[in-house]
PDB file of N, CA and C in Angstrom:
ATOM      1  N   MET A   1     128.953 127.151 103.726  1.00  0.00           N
ATOM      2  CA  MET A   1     128.138 127.117 104.918  1.00  0.00           C
ATOM      3  C   MET A   1     127.223 125.892 104.907  1.00  0.00           C
ATOM      4  N   MET A   2     126.617 125.581 103.753  1.00  0.00           N
ATOM      5  CA  MET A   2     125.732 124.430 103.646  1.00  0.00           C
ATOM      6  C   MET A   2     126.513 123.150 103.902  1.00  0.00           C
ATOM      7  N   PHE A   3     127.770 123.090 103.413  1.00  0.00           N
ATOM      8  CA  PHE A   3     128.592 121.903 103.626  1.00  0.00           C
ATOM      9  C   PHE A   3     128.838 121.675 105.109  1.00  0.00           C
ATOM     10  N   LEU A   4     129.117 122.744 105.858  1.00  0.00           N
ATOM     11  CA  LEU A   4     129.346 122.622 107.295  1.00  0.00           C
ATOM     12  C   LEU A   4     128.102 122.116 108.002  1.00  0.00           C
ATOM     13  N   LEU A   5     126.955 122.605 107.592  1.00  0.00           N
ATOM     14  CA  LEU A   5     125.695 122.168 108.187  1.00  0.00           C
ATOM     15  C   LEU A   5     125.462 120.689 107.926  1.00  0.00           C
ATOM     16  N   LEU A   6     125.698 120.241 106.712  1.00  0.00           N
ATOM     17  CA  LEU A   6     125.529 118.832 106.370  1.00  0.00           C
ATOM     18  C   LEU A   6     126.544 117.963 107.107  1.00  0.00           C
ATOM     19  N   ALA A   7     127.778 118.435 107.213  1.00  0.00           N
ATOM     20  CA  ALA A   7     128.801 117.677 107.921  1.00  0.00           C
ATOM     21  C   ALA A   7     128.451 117.563 109.398  1.00  0.00           C
ATOM     22  N   ALA A   8     127.941 118.626 109.987  1.00  0.00           N
ATOM     23  CA  ALA A   8     127.538 118.593 111.397  1.00  0.00           C
ATOM     24  C   ALA A   8     126.379 117.629 111.599  1.00  0.00           C
ATOM     25  N   GLN A   9     125.431 117.620 110.668  1.00  0.00           N
ATOM     26  CA  GLN A   9     124.294 116.708 110.777  1.00  0.00           C
ATOM     27  C   GLN A   9     124.766 115.260 110.651  1.00  0.00           C
ATOM     28  N   ALA A  10     125.667 114.971 109.752  1.00  0.00           N
ATOM     29  CA  ALA A  10     126.179 113.613 109.590  1.00  0.00           C
ATOM     30  C   ALA A  10     126.937 113.173 110.830  1.00  0.00           C
ATOM     31  N   ALA A  11     127.711 114.073 111.433  1.00  0.00           N
ATOM     32  CA  ALA A  11     128.459 113.735 112.639  1.00  0.00           C
ATOM     33  C   ALA A  11     127.529 113.474 113.811  1.00  0.00           C
ATOM     34  N   ALA A  12     126.378 114.127 113.831  1.00  0.00           N
ATOM     35  CA  ALA A  12     125.448 113.978 114.944  1.00  0.00           C
ATOM     36  C   ALA A  12     124.880 112.574 115.039  1.00  0.00           C
ATOM     37  N   VAL A  13     124.824 111.831 113.947  1.00  0.00           N
ATOM     38  CA  VAL A  13     124.283 110.480 113.989  1.00  0.00           C
ATOM     39  C   VAL A  13     125.364 109.418 113.778  1.00  0.00           C
ATOM     40  N   ALA A  14     126.635 109.811 113.889  1.00  0.00           N
ATOM     41  CA  ALA A  14     127.714 108.834 113.724  1.00  0.00           C
ATOM     42  C   ALA A  14     127.686 107.842 114.878  1.00  0.00           C
ATOM     43  N   PRO A  15     127.766 106.539 114.565  1.00  0.00           N
ATOM     44  CA  PRO A  15     127.689 105.532 115.625  1.00  0.00           C
ATOM     45  C   PRO A  15     129.003 105.419 116.382  1.00  0.00           C
ATOM     46  N   PRO A  16     128.959 104.896 117.595  1.00  0.00           N
ATOM     47  CA  PRO A  16     130.218 104.586 118.266  1.00  0.00           C
ATOM     48  C   PRO A  16     130.993 103.581 117.408  1.00  0.00           C
ATOM     49  N   ALA A  17     132.303 103.612 117.494  1.00  0.00           N
ATOM     50  CA  ALA A  17     133.139 102.742 116.672  1.00  0.00           C
ATOM     51  C   ALA A  17     132.732 101.283 116.821  1.00  0.00           C
ATOM     52  N   GLY A  18     132.530 100.617 115.690  1.00  0.00           N
ATOM     53  CA  GLY A  18     132.217  99.207 115.676  1.00  0.00           C
ATOM     54  C   GLY A  18     130.778  98.847 116.002  1.00  0.00           C
ATOM     55  N   GLU A  19     129.932  99.800 116.270  1.00  0.00           N
ATOM     56  CA  GLU A  19     128.539  99.523 116.617  1.00  0.00           C
ATOM     57  C   GLU A  19     127.684  99.530 115.353  1.00  0.00           C
ATOM     58  N   PRO A  20     127.045  98.406 115.008  1.00  0.00           N
ATOM     59  CA  PRO A  20     126.164  98.394 113.834  1.00  0.00           C
ATOM     60  C   PRO A  20     124.876  99.168 114.110  1.00  0.00           C
ATOM     61  N   VAL A  21     124.230  99.592 113.056  1.00  0.00           N
ATOM     62  CA  VAL A  21     122.966 100.308 113.169  1.00  0.00           C
ATOM     63  C   VAL A  21     121.898  99.341 113.672  1.00  0.00           C
ATOM     64  N   LEU A  22     121.125  99.769 114.656  1.00  0.00           N
ATOM     65  CA  LEU A  22     120.037  98.956 115.194  1.00  0.00           C
ATOM     66  C   LEU A  22     118.847  98.963 114.244  1.00  0.00           C
ATOM     67  N   THR A  23     118.046  97.919 114.316  1.00  0.00           N
ATOM     68  CA  THR A  23     116.793  97.851 113.563  1.00  0.00           C
ATOM     69  C   THR A  23     115.667  97.536 114.540  1.00  0.00           C
ATOM     70  N   LEU A  24     114.440  97.640 114.068  1.00  0.00           N
ATOM     71  CA  LEU A  24     113.300  97.357 114.935  1.00  0.00           C
ATOM     72  C   LEU A  24     113.169  95.876 115.263  1.00  0.00           C
ATOM     73  N   SER A  25     113.936  95.033 114.617  1.00  0.00           N
ATOM     74  CA  SER A  25     113.942  93.624 115.018  1.00  0.00           C
ATOM     75  C   SER A  25     114.736  93.435 116.315  1.00  0.00           C
ATOM     76  N   GLU A  26     115.555  94.439 116.674  1.00  0.00           N
ATOM     77  CA  GLU A  26     116.377  94.360 117.879  1.00  0.00           C
ATOM     78  C   GLU A  26     115.817  95.163 119.050  1.00  0.00           C
ATOM     79  N   VAL A  27     115.024  96.173 118.775  1.00  0.00           N
ATOM     80  CA  VAL A  27     114.442  97.027 119.815  1.00  0.00           C
ATOM     81  C   VAL A  27     113.006  97.365 119.438  1.00  0.00           C
ATOM     82  N   GLY A  28     112.229  97.775 120.412  1.00  0.00           N
ATOM     83  CA  GLY A  28     110.858  98.190 120.152  1.00  0.00           C
ATOM     84  C   GLY A  28     110.761  99.684 119.932  1.00  0.00           C
ATOM     85  N   LEU A  29     109.740 100.101 119.198  1.00  0.00           N
ATOM     86  CA  LEU A  29     109.448 101.521 118.996  1.00  0.00           C
ATOM     87  C   LEU A  29     108.121 101.793 119.681  1.00  0.00           C
ATOM     88  N   HIS A  30     108.101 102.781 120.547  1.00  0.00           N
ATOM     89  CA  HIS A  30     106.911 103.085 121.332  1.00  0.00           C
ATOM     90  C   HIS A  30     106.379 104.447 120.927  1.00  0.00           C
ATOM     91  N   ARG A  31     105.098 104.502 120.707  1.00  0.00           N
ATOM     92  CA  ARG A  31     104.515 105.759 120.249  1.00  0.00           C
ATOM     93  C   ARG A  31     104.440 106.770 121.384  1.00  0.00           C
ATOM     94  N   GLY A  32     104.290 108.003 120.965  1.00  0.00           N
ATOM     95  CA  GLY A  32     104.165 109.095 121.914  1.00  0.00           C
ATOM     96  C   GLY A  32     102.738 109.206 122.410  1.00  0.00           C
ATOM     97  N   ARG A  33     102.247 110.407 122.505  1.00  0.00           N
ATOM     98  CA  ARG A  33     100.924 110.654 123.073  1.00  0.00           C
ATOM     99  C   ARG A  33      99.782 110.239 122.161  1.00  0.00           C
ATOM    100  N   TRP A  34     100.004 110.221 120.840  1.00  0.00           N
ATOM    101  CA  TRP A  34      98.916 109.949 119.906  1.00  0.00           C
ATOM    102  C   TRP A  34      99.186 108.646 119.159  1.00  0.00           C
ATOM    103  N   PRO A  35      98.149 108.042 118.602  1.00  0.00           N
ATOM    104  CA  PRO A  35      98.428 106.872 117.746  1.00  0.00           C
ATOM    105  C   PRO A  35      99.186 107.320 116.496  1.00  0.00           C
ATOM    106  N   PHE A  36      99.940 106.397 115.907  1.00  0.00           N
ATOM    107  CA  PHE A  36     100.738 106.733 114.724  1.00  0.00           C
ATOM    108  C   PHE A  36      99.887 107.345 113.622  1.00  0.00           C
ATOM    109  N   THR A  37      98.619 106.938 113.498  1.00  0.00           N
ATOM    110  CA  THR A  37      97.784 107.452 112.407  1.00  0.00           C
ATOM    111  C   THR A  37      97.555 108.952 112.523  1.00  0.00           C
ATOM    112  N   GLY A  38      97.721 109.534 113.702  1.00  0.00           N
ATOM    113  CA  GLY A  38      97.561 110.977 113.881  1.00  0.00           C
ATOM    114  C   GLY A  38      98.615 111.793 113.151  1.00  0.00           C
ATOM    115  N   TYR A  39      99.609 111.145 112.594  1.00  0.00           N
ATOM    116  CA  TYR A  39     100.699 111.832 111.906  1.00  0.00           C
ATOM    117  C   TYR A  39     100.545 111.831 110.386  1.00  0.00           C
ATOM    118  N   TYR A  40      99.498 111.223 109.872  1.00  0.00           N
ATOM    119  CA  TYR A  40      99.334 111.115 108.418  1.00  0.00           C
ATOM    120  C   TYR A  40      99.174 112.518 107.827  1.00  0.00           C
ATOM    121  N   PRO A  41      99.957 112.890 106.815  1.00  0.00           N
ATOM    122  CA  PRO A  41      99.843 114.235 106.223  1.00  0.00           C
ATOM    123  C   PRO A  41      98.457 114.460 105.604  1.00  0.00           C
ATOM    124  N   ASP A  42      97.835 115.582 105.919  1.00  0.00           N
ATOM    125  CA  ASP A  42      96.477 115.890 105.447  1.00  0.00           C
ATOM    126  C   ASP A  42      96.358 115.847 103.927  1.00  0.00           C
ATOM    127  N   ARG A  43      97.273 116.505 103.241  1.00  0.00           N
ATOM    128  CA  ARG A  43      97.193 116.569 101.769  1.00  0.00           C
ATOM    129  C   ARG A  43      97.282 115.169 101.155  1.00  0.00           C
ATOM    130  N   ALA A  44      98.146 114.336 101.705  1.00  0.00           N
ATOM    131  CA  ALA A  44      98.280 112.967 101.207  1.00  0.00           C
ATOM    132  C   ALA A  44      97.018 112.163 101.501  1.00  0.00           C
ATOM    133  N   MET A  45      96.435 112.364 102.668  1.00  0.00           N
ATOM    134  CA  MET A  45      95.218 111.647 103.031  1.00  0.00           C
ATOM    135  C   MET A  45      94.083 112.026 102.077  1.00  0.00           C
ATOM    136  N   ARG A  46      93.923 113.322 101.844  1.00  0.00           N
ATOM    137  CA  ARG A  46      92.862 113.790 100.935  1.00  0.00           C
ATOM    138  C   ARG A  46      93.078 113.279  99.514  1.00  0.00           C
ATOM    139  N   GLY A  47      94.343 113.154  99.098  1.00  0.00           N
ATOM    140  CA  GLY A  47      94.658 112.695  97.746  1.00  0.00           C
ATOM    141  C   GLY A  47      94.759 111.188  97.620  1.00  0.00           C
ATOM    142  N   GLY A  48      94.599 110.454  98.728  1.00  0.00           N
ATOM    143  CA  GLY A  48      94.695 109.000  98.681  1.00  0.00           C
ATOM    144  C   GLY A  48      96.095 108.490  98.405  1.00  0.00           C
ATOM    145  N   VAL A  49      97.122 109.257  98.838  1.00  0.00           N
ATOM    146  CA  VAL A  49      98.520 108.908  98.555  1.00  0.00           C
ATOM    147  C   VAL A  49      99.119 108.124  99.720  1.00  0.00           C
ATOM    148  N   SER A  50      99.729 106.996  99.410  1.00  0.00           N
ATOM    149  CA  SER A  50     100.462 106.190 100.383  1.00  0.00           C
ATOM    150  C   SER A  50     101.953 106.357 100.126  1.00  0.00           C
ATOM    151  N   SER A  51     102.777 106.045 101.132  1.00  0.00           N
ATOM    152  CA  SER A  51     104.218 106.195 100.965  1.00  0.00           C
ATOM    153  C   SER A  51     104.962 105.368 102.006  1.00  0.00           C
ATOM    154  N   ARG A  52     106.243 105.234 101.780  1.00  0.00           N
ATOM    155  CA  ARG A  52     107.159 104.647 102.760  1.00  0.00           C
ATOM    156  C   ARG A  52     108.297 105.615 102.982  1.00  0.00           C
ATOM    157  N   THR A  53     108.762 105.668 104.218  1.00  0.00           N
ATOM    158  CA  THR A  53     109.905 106.510 104.541  1.00  0.00           C
ATOM    159  C   THR A  53     110.905 105.699 105.356  1.00  0.00           C
ATOM    160  N   THR A  54     112.146 106.126 105.308  1.00  0.00           N
ATOM    161  CA  THR A  54     113.187 105.538 106.142  1.00  0.00           C
ATOM    162  C   THR A  54     113.945 106.683 106.794  1.00  0.00           C
ATOM    163  N   ALA A  55     114.164 106.555 108.106  1.00  0.00           N
ATOM    164  CA  ALA A  55     114.889 107.581 108.849  1.00  0.00           C
ATOM    165  C   ALA A  55     115.973 106.922 109.689  1.00  0.00           C
ATOM    166  N   LEU A  56     116.999 107.697 109.987  1.00  0.00           N
ATOM    167  CA  LEU A  56     118.081 107.257 110.843  1.00  0.00           C
ATOM    168  C   LEU A  56     118.120 108.194 112.041  1.00  0.00           C
ATOM    169  N   CYS A  57     118.074 107.628 113.250  1.00  0.00           N
ATOM    170  CA  CYS A  57     118.057 108.410 114.486  1.00  0.00           C
ATOM    171  C   CYS A  57     119.142 107.905 115.422  1.00  0.00           C
ATOM    172  N   ARG A  58     119.370 108.662 116.484  1.00  0.00           N
ATOM    173  CA  ARG A  58     120.269 108.229 117.550  1.00  0.00           C
ATOM    174  C   ARG A  58     119.433 108.046 118.796  1.00  0.00           C
ATOM    175  N   ALA A  59     119.650 106.941 119.500  1.00  0.00           N
ATOM    176  CA  ALA A  59     118.961 106.691 120.764  1.00  0.00           C
ATOM    177  C   ALA A  59     119.688 107.456 121.863  1.00  0.00           C
ATOM    178  N   ALA A  60     118.941 108.244 122.601  1.00  0.00           N
ATOM    179  CA  ALA A  60     119.504 109.034 123.696  1.00  0.00           C
ATOM    180  C   ALA A  60     119.058 108.424 125.027  1.00  0.00           C
ATOM    181  N   ALA A  61     119.300 109.137 126.095  1.00  0.00           N
ATOM    182  CA  ALA A  61     118.914 108.672 127.432  1.00  0.00           C
ATOM    183  C   ALA A  61     117.429 108.380 127.490  1.00  0.00           C
ATOM    184  N   ALA A  62     117.063 107.371 128.234  1.00  0.00           N
ATOM    185  CA  ALA A  62     115.671 106.952 128.448  1.00  0.00           C
ATOM    186  C   ALA A  62     114.968 106.560 127.143  1.00  0.00           C
ATOM    187  N   GLY A  63     115.732 106.245 126.098  1.00  0.00           N
ATOM    188  CA  GLY A  63     115.148 105.773 124.852  1.00  0.00           C
ATOM    189  C   GLY A  63     114.641 106.847 123.907  1.00  0.00           C
ATOM    190  N   ALA A  64     114.856 108.117 124.236  1.00  0.00           N
ATOM    191  CA  ALA A  64     114.427 109.198 123.343  1.00  0.00           C
ATOM    192  C   ALA A  64     115.166 109.095 122.016  1.00  0.00           C
ATOM    193  N   LEU A  65     114.483 109.413 120.925  1.00  0.00           N
ATOM    194  CA  LEU A  65     115.099 109.411 119.604  1.00  0.00           C
ATOM    195  C   LEU A  65     115.461 110.843 119.229  1.00  0.00           C
ATOM    196  N   VAL A  66     116.732 111.074 118.917  1.00  0.00           N
ATOM    197  CA  VAL A  66     117.222 112.420 118.606  1.00  0.00           C
ATOM    198  C   VAL A  66     118.032 112.384 117.316  1.00  0.00           C
ATOM    199  N   ASP A  67     118.306 113.559 116.802  1.00  0.00           N
ATOM    200  CA  ASP A  67     119.135 113.716 115.602  1.00  0.00           C
ATOM    201  C   ASP A  67     118.624 112.887 114.428  1.00  0.00           C
ATOM    202  N   CYS A  68     117.313 112.783 114.298  1.00  0.00           N
ATOM    203  CA  CYS A  68     116.732 111.996 113.201  1.00  0.00           C
ATOM    204  C   CYS A  68     116.883 112.738 111.880  1.00  0.00           C
ATOM    205  N   ARG A  69     117.134 111.967 110.845  1.00  0.00           N
ATOM    206  CA  ARG A  69     117.183 112.538 109.497  1.00  0.00           C
ATOM    207  C   ARG A  69     116.578 111.527 108.532  1.00  0.00           C
ATOM    208  N   ILE A  70     115.972 112.044 107.499  1.00  0.00           N
ATOM    209  CA  ILE A  70     115.318 111.207 106.495  1.00  0.00           C
ATOM    210  C   ILE A  70     116.364 110.658 105.540  1.00  0.00           C
ATOM    211  N   GLU A  71     116.308 109.358 105.313  1.00  0.00           N
ATOM    212  CA  GLU A  71     117.189 108.722 104.328  1.00  0.00           C
ATOM    213  C   GLU A  71     116.474 108.503 103.007  1.00  0.00           C
ATOM    214  N   ALA A  72     115.165 108.187 103.068  1.00  0.00           N
ATOM    215  CA  ALA A  72     114.408 107.923 101.837  1.00  0.00           C
ATOM    216  C   ALA A  72     112.930 108.205 102.069  1.00  0.00           C
ATOM    217  N   VAL A  73     112.273 108.686 101.014  1.00  0.00           N
ATOM    218  CA  VAL A  73     110.822 108.886 101.026  1.00  0.00           C
ATOM    219  C   VAL A  73     110.315 108.574  99.623  1.00  0.00           C
ATOM    220  N   GLU A  74     109.255 107.772  99.528  1.00  0.00           N
ATOM    221  CA  GLU A  74     108.734 107.375  98.214  1.00  0.00           C
ATOM    222  C   GLU A  74     107.957 108.493  97.529  1.00  0.00           C
ATOM    223  N   ALA A  75     106.998 109.062  98.210  1.00  0.00           N
ATOM    224  CA  ALA A  75     106.153 110.095  97.602  1.00  0.00           C
ATOM    225  C   ALA A  75     106.591 111.469  98.111  1.00  0.00           C
ATOM    226  N   ALA A  76     107.448 112.100  97.346  1.00  0.00           N
ATOM    227  CA  ALA A  76     107.961 113.419  97.732  1.00  0.00           C
ATOM    228  C   ALA A  76     106.860 114.471  97.615  1.00  0.00           C
ATOM    229  N   ASP A  77     107.024 115.559  98.304  1.00  0.00           N
ATOM    230  CA  ASP A  77     106.130 116.723  98.236  1.00  0.00           C
ATOM    231  C   ASP A  77     104.741 116.494  98.827  1.00  0.00           C
ATOM    232  N   TYR A  78     104.579 115.476  99.657  1.00  0.00           N
ATOM    233  CA  TYR A  78     103.301 115.265 100.331  1.00  0.00           C
ATOM    234  C   TYR A  78     103.418 115.408 101.840  1.00  0.00           C
ATOM    235  N   GLY A  79     104.598 115.698 102.345  1.00  0.00           N
ATOM    236  CA  GLY A  79     104.782 115.905 103.771  1.00  0.00           C
ATOM    237  C   GLY A  79     105.095 114.649 104.567  1.00  0.00           C
ATOM    238  N   PHE A  80     105.379 113.539 103.896  1.00  0.00           N
ATOM    239  CA  PHE A  80     105.699 112.314 104.622  1.00  0.00           C
ATOM    240  C   PHE A  80     107.014 112.438 105.387  1.00  0.00           C
ATOM    241  N   ASP A  81     107.966 113.203 104.842  1.00  0.00           N
ATOM    242  CA  ASP A  81     109.234 113.383 105.545  1.00  0.00           C
ATOM    243  C   ASP A  81     109.026 114.128 106.861  1.00  0.00           C
ATOM    244  N   GLN A  82     108.248 115.227 106.833  1.00  0.00           N
ATOM    245  CA  GLN A  82     107.979 115.971 108.063  1.00  0.00           C
ATOM    246  C   GLN A  82     107.152 115.139 109.038  1.00  0.00           C
ATOM    247  N   ALA A  83     106.191 114.364 108.530  1.00  0.00           N
ATOM    248  CA  ALA A  83     105.367 113.514 109.394  1.00  0.00           C
ATOM    249  C   ALA A  83     106.225 112.458 110.084  1.00  0.00           C
ATOM    250  N   THR A  84     107.180 111.900 109.369  1.00  0.00           N
ATOM    251  CA  THR A  84     108.079 110.904 109.945  1.00  0.00           C
ATOM    252  C   THR A  84     108.907 111.513 111.065  1.00  0.00           C
ATOM    253  N   LEU A  85     109.484 112.681 110.830  1.00  0.00           N
ATOM    254  CA  LEU A  85     110.300 113.331 111.860  1.00  0.00           C
ATOM    255  C   LEU A  85     109.466 113.705 113.078  1.00  0.00           C
ATOM    256  N   LYS A  86     108.246 114.148 112.853  1.00  0.00           N
ATOM    257  CA  LYS A  86     107.348 114.498 113.958  1.00  0.00           C
ATOM    258  C   LYS A  86     106.990 113.262 114.779  1.00  0.00           C
ATOM    259  N   LEU A  87     106.657 112.178 114.099  1.00  0.00           N
ATOM    260  CA  LEU A  87     106.321 110.932 114.785  1.00  0.00           C
ATOM    261  C   LEU A  87     107.512 110.440 115.614  1.00  0.00           C
ATOM    262  N   LEU A  88     108.699 110.454 115.039  1.00  0.00           N
ATOM    263  CA  LEU A  88     109.870 109.954 115.744  1.00  0.00           C
ATOM    264  C   LEU A  88     110.269 110.850 116.912  1.00  0.00           C
ATOM    265  N   ALA A  89     109.996 112.140 116.811  1.00  0.00           N
ATOM    266  CA  ALA A  89     110.279 113.054 117.926  1.00  0.00           C
ATOM    267  C   ALA A  89     109.392 112.739 119.129  1.00  0.00           C
ATOM    268  N   ASP A  90     108.207 112.190 118.885  1.00  0.00           N
ATOM    269  CA  ASP A  90     107.273 111.848 119.958  1.00  0.00           C
ATOM    270  C   ASP A  90     107.379 110.392 120.396  1.00  0.00           C
ATOM    271  N   ALA A  91     108.224 109.614 119.729  1.00  0.00           N
ATOM    272  CA  ALA A  91     108.348 108.192 120.031  1.00  0.00           C
ATOM    273  C   ALA A  91     109.615 107.941 120.849  1.00  0.00           C
ATOM    274  N   SER A  92     109.738 106.738 121.336  1.00  0.00           N
ATOM    275  CA  SER A  92     110.957 106.337 122.040  1.00  0.00           C
ATOM    276  C   SER A  92     111.250 104.881 121.698  1.00  0.00           C
ATOM    277  N   THR A  93     112.432 104.450 122.078  1.00  0.00           N
ATOM    278  CA  THR A  93     112.839 103.081 121.849  1.00  0.00           C
ATOM    279  C   THR A  93     113.204 102.439 123.177  1.00  0.00           C
ATOM    280  N   ASP A  94     113.382 101.146 123.183  1.00  0.00           N
ATOM    281  CA  ASP A  94     113.816 100.457 124.391  1.00  0.00           C
ATOM    282  C   ASP A  94     115.205 100.949 124.791  1.00  0.00           C
ATOM    283  N   VAL A  95     115.502 100.925 126.087  1.00  0.00           N
ATOM    284  CA  VAL A  95     116.821 101.358 126.555  1.00  0.00           C
ATOM    285  C   VAL A  95     117.872 100.258 126.396  1.00  0.00           C
ATOM    286  N   ALA A  96     117.413  99.062 126.048  1.00  0.00           N
ATOM    287  CA  ALA A  96     118.336  97.949 125.795  1.00  0.00           C
ATOM    288  C   ALA A  96     117.788  97.126 124.628  1.00  0.00           C
ATOM    289  N   THR A  97     118.697  96.504 123.898  1.00  0.00           N
ATOM    290  CA  THR A  97     118.280  95.624 122.805  1.00  0.00           C
ATOM    291  C   THR A  97     117.676  94.364 123.402  1.00  0.00           C
ATOM    292  N   ARG A  98     117.057  93.568 122.548  1.00  0.00           N
ATOM    293  CA  ARG A  98     116.490  92.301 123.013  1.00  0.00           C
ATOM    294  C   ARG A  98     117.583  91.383 123.571  1.00  0.00           C
ATOM    295  N   GLY A  99     118.826  91.603 123.157  1.00  0.00           N
ATOM    296  CA  GLY A  99     119.962  90.846 123.668  1.00  0.00           C
ATOM    297  C   GLY A  99     120.549  91.430 124.945  1.00  0.00           C
ATOM    298  N   GLY A 100     120.030  92.586 125.407  1.00  0.00           N
ATOM    299  CA  GLY A 100     120.474  93.188 126.653  1.00  0.00           C
ATOM    300  C   GLY A 100     121.503  94.292 126.532  1.00  0.00           C
ATOM    301  N   ALA A 101     121.985  94.603 125.327  1.00  0.00           N
ATOM    302  CA  ALA A 101     122.969  95.672 125.147  1.00  0.00           C
ATOM    303  C   ALA A 101     122.288  97.034 125.236  1.00  0.00           C
ATOM    304  N   PRO A 102     122.929  98.032 125.854  1.00  0.00           N
ATOM    305  CA  PRO A 102     122.323  99.367 125.931  1.00  0.00           C
ATOM    306  C   PRO A 102     122.179  99.992 124.544  1.00  0.00           C
ATOM    307  N   THR A 103     121.114 100.768 124.366  1.00  0.00           N
ATOM    308  CA  THR A 103     120.884 101.422 123.071  1.00  0.00           C
ATOM    309  C   THR A 103     121.368 102.872 123.061  1.00  0.00           C
ATOM    310  N   GLU A 104     121.574 103.467 124.211  1.00  0.00           N
ATOM    311  CA  GLU A 104     121.965 104.879 124.271  1.00  0.00           C
ATOM    312  C   GLU A 104     123.223 105.127 123.449  1.00  0.00           C
ATOM    313  N   GLY A 105     123.160 106.136 122.593  1.00  0.00           N
ATOM    314  CA  GLY A 105     124.273 106.504 121.728  1.00  0.00           C
ATOM    315  C   GLY A 105     124.312 105.753 120.408  1.00  0.00           C
ATOM    316  N   ARG A 106     123.511 104.723 120.261  1.00  0.00           N
ATOM    317  CA  ARG A 106     123.509 103.930 119.034  1.00  0.00           C
ATOM    318  C   ARG A 106     122.539 104.511 118.020  1.00  0.00           C
ATOM    319  N   ARG A 107     122.789 104.218 116.755  1.00  0.00           N
ATOM    320  CA  ARG A 107     121.879 104.638 115.690  1.00  0.00           C
ATOM    321  C   ARG A 107     120.792 103.596 115.516  1.00  0.00           C
ATOM    322  N   LEU A 108     119.621 104.057 115.107  1.00  0.00           N
ATOM    323  CA  LEU A 108     118.471 103.189 114.852  1.00  0.00           C
ATOM    324  C   LEU A 108     117.867 103.583 113.513  1.00  0.00           C
ATOM    325  N   ARG A 109     117.702 102.610 112.638  1.00  0.00           N
ATOM    326  CA  ARG A 109     117.057 102.848 111.339  1.00  0.00           C
ATOM    327  C   ARG A 109     115.604 102.408 111.465  1.00  0.00           C
ATOM    328  N   VAL A 110     114.691 103.325 111.115  1.00  0.00           N
ATOM    329  CA  VAL A 110     113.255 103.065 111.209  1.00  0.00           C
ATOM    330  C   VAL A 110     112.625 103.290 109.844  1.00  0.00           C
ATOM    331  N   SER A 111     111.859 102.308 109.394  1.00  0.00           N
ATOM    332  CA  SER A 111     111.083 102.444 108.164  1.00  0.00           C
ATOM    333  C   SER A 111     109.613 102.535 108.551  1.00  0.00           C
ATOM    334  N   LEU A 112     108.925 103.505 107.994  1.00  0.00           N
ATOM    335  CA  LEU A 112     107.504 103.693 108.255  1.00  0.00           C
ATOM    336  C   LEU A 112     106.727 103.510 106.966  1.00  0.00           C
ATOM    337  N   SER A 113     105.581 102.880 107.086  1.00  0.00           N
ATOM    338  CA  SER A 113     104.683 102.688 105.951  1.00  0.00           C
ATOM    339  C   SER A 113     103.405 103.466 106.228  1.00  0.00           C
ATOM    340  N   PHE A 114     103.102 104.418 105.367  1.00  0.00           N
ATOM    341  CA  PHE A 114     101.886 105.225 105.460  1.00  0.00           C
ATOM    342  C   PHE A 114     100.927 104.697 104.394  1.00  0.00           C
ATOM    343  N   LYS A 115      99.766 104.208 104.814  1.00  0.00           N
ATOM    344  CA  LYS A 115      98.803 103.676 103.843  1.00  0.00           C
ATOM    345  C   LYS A 115      97.438 104.301 104.081  1.00  0.00           C
ATOM    346  N   VAL A 116      96.802 104.683 102.972  1.00  0.00           N
ATOM    347  CA  VAL A 116      95.431 105.177 103.031  1.00  0.00           C
ATOM    348  C   VAL A 116      94.578 104.215 102.202  1.00  0.00           C
ATOM    349  N   SER A 117      93.459 103.790 102.771  1.00  0.00           N
ATOM    350  CA  SER A 117      92.591 102.841 102.069  1.00  0.00           C
ATOM    351  C   SER A 117      91.598 103.586 101.181  1.00  0.00           C
ATOM    352  N   ARG A 118      90.864 102.849 100.386  1.00  0.00           N
ATOM    353  CA  ARG A 118      89.873 103.459  99.491  1.00  0.00           C
ATOM    354  C   ARG A 118      88.787 104.201 100.255  1.00  0.00           C
ATOM    355  N   ASN A 119      88.467 103.731 101.464  1.00  0.00           N
ATOM    356  CA  ASN A 119      87.417 104.408 102.247  1.00  0.00           C
ATOM    357  C   ASN A 119      87.957 105.607 103.022  1.00  0.00           C
ATOM    358  N   GLY A 120      89.267 105.902 102.888  1.00  0.00           N
ATOM    359  CA  GLY A 120      89.843 107.079 103.513  1.00  0.00           C
ATOM    360  C   GLY A 120      90.490 106.833 104.871  1.00  0.00           C
ATOM    361  N   SER A 121      90.385 105.616 105.392  1.00  0.00           N
ATOM    362  CA  SER A 121      91.045 105.353 106.671  1.00  0.00           C
ATOM    363  C   SER A 121      92.555 105.231 106.440  1.00  0.00           C
ATOM    364  N   THR A 122      93.321 105.616 107.460  1.00  0.00           N
ATOM    365  CA  THR A 122      94.768 105.607 107.323  1.00  0.00           C
ATOM    366  C   THR A 122      95.397 104.645 108.323  1.00  0.00           C
ATOM    367  N   ARG A 123      96.592 104.228 107.969  1.00  0.00           N
ATOM    368  CA  ARG A 123      97.332 103.324 108.835  1.00  0.00           C
ATOM    369  C   ARG A 123      98.820 103.644 108.687  1.00  0.00           C
ATOM    370  N   VAL A 124      99.503 103.762 109.807  1.00  0.00           N
ATOM    371  CA  VAL A 124     100.954 103.991 109.814  1.00  0.00           C
ATOM    372  C   VAL A 124     101.578 102.877 110.627  1.00  0.00           C
ATOM    373  N   THR A 125     102.519 102.164 110.018  1.00  0.00           N
ATOM    374  CA  THR A 125     103.190 101.077 110.723  1.00  0.00           C
ATOM    375  C   THR A 125     104.695 101.265 110.630  1.00  0.00           C
ATOM    376  N   ALA A 126     105.385 100.805 111.654  1.00  0.00           N
ATOM    377  CA  ALA A 126     106.840 100.870 111.700  1.00  0.00           C
ATOM    378  C   ALA A 126     107.409  99.479 111.475  1.00  0.00           C
ATOM    379  N   ARG A 127     108.539  99.437 110.764  1.00  0.00           N
ATOM    380  CA  ARG A 127     109.228  98.164 110.580  1.00  0.00           C
ATOM    381  C   ARG A 127     110.701  98.406 110.544  1.00  0.00           C
TER     382      ARG A 127
END
């Protein structure tokens, strides 16, 4: 049963034939209702823990990001994976690449950097 679930998840982000994975150098990422810093995990913020995550999503109609899954997270067990998925669910991408090609149906790889400073302020950036 777990294998079927994993296979279904992998199929959900399969790119159209011959389409390379998009990066943020080709399209913009637009935040949702809150600034990115609103997604910083509380436990990590209190502990002064920073991390990087990488996720793979599919661009849907109107630039919505769907079928996102985590590919990598540096600091496990601090909630950065859930924070990344939450942020991406509220974000969108351009409907066309900078070269003019449509993004709908294409995969997009997003790397996020979560940083907390010594004074406790947080910063989340996408690359």
